[in-house]
């Protein structure tokens, strides 16, 4: 995951400063109701034009 507060994660989990955070990964299983219906997509002709 990008766009997180790396300094905040380092302060919380590695206060001695020996480790640096490069990436944050969620590990686990989603809840049974975690998925939503897919939002509608535009048709090809609606988004592509030929010059």
Foldseek 3Di string as FASTA:
>chain_A
DPDDDQVVCCVVPPVVPPDGDDDDDDDDDDDPPPDDDDDDDDDPVVPDDDD
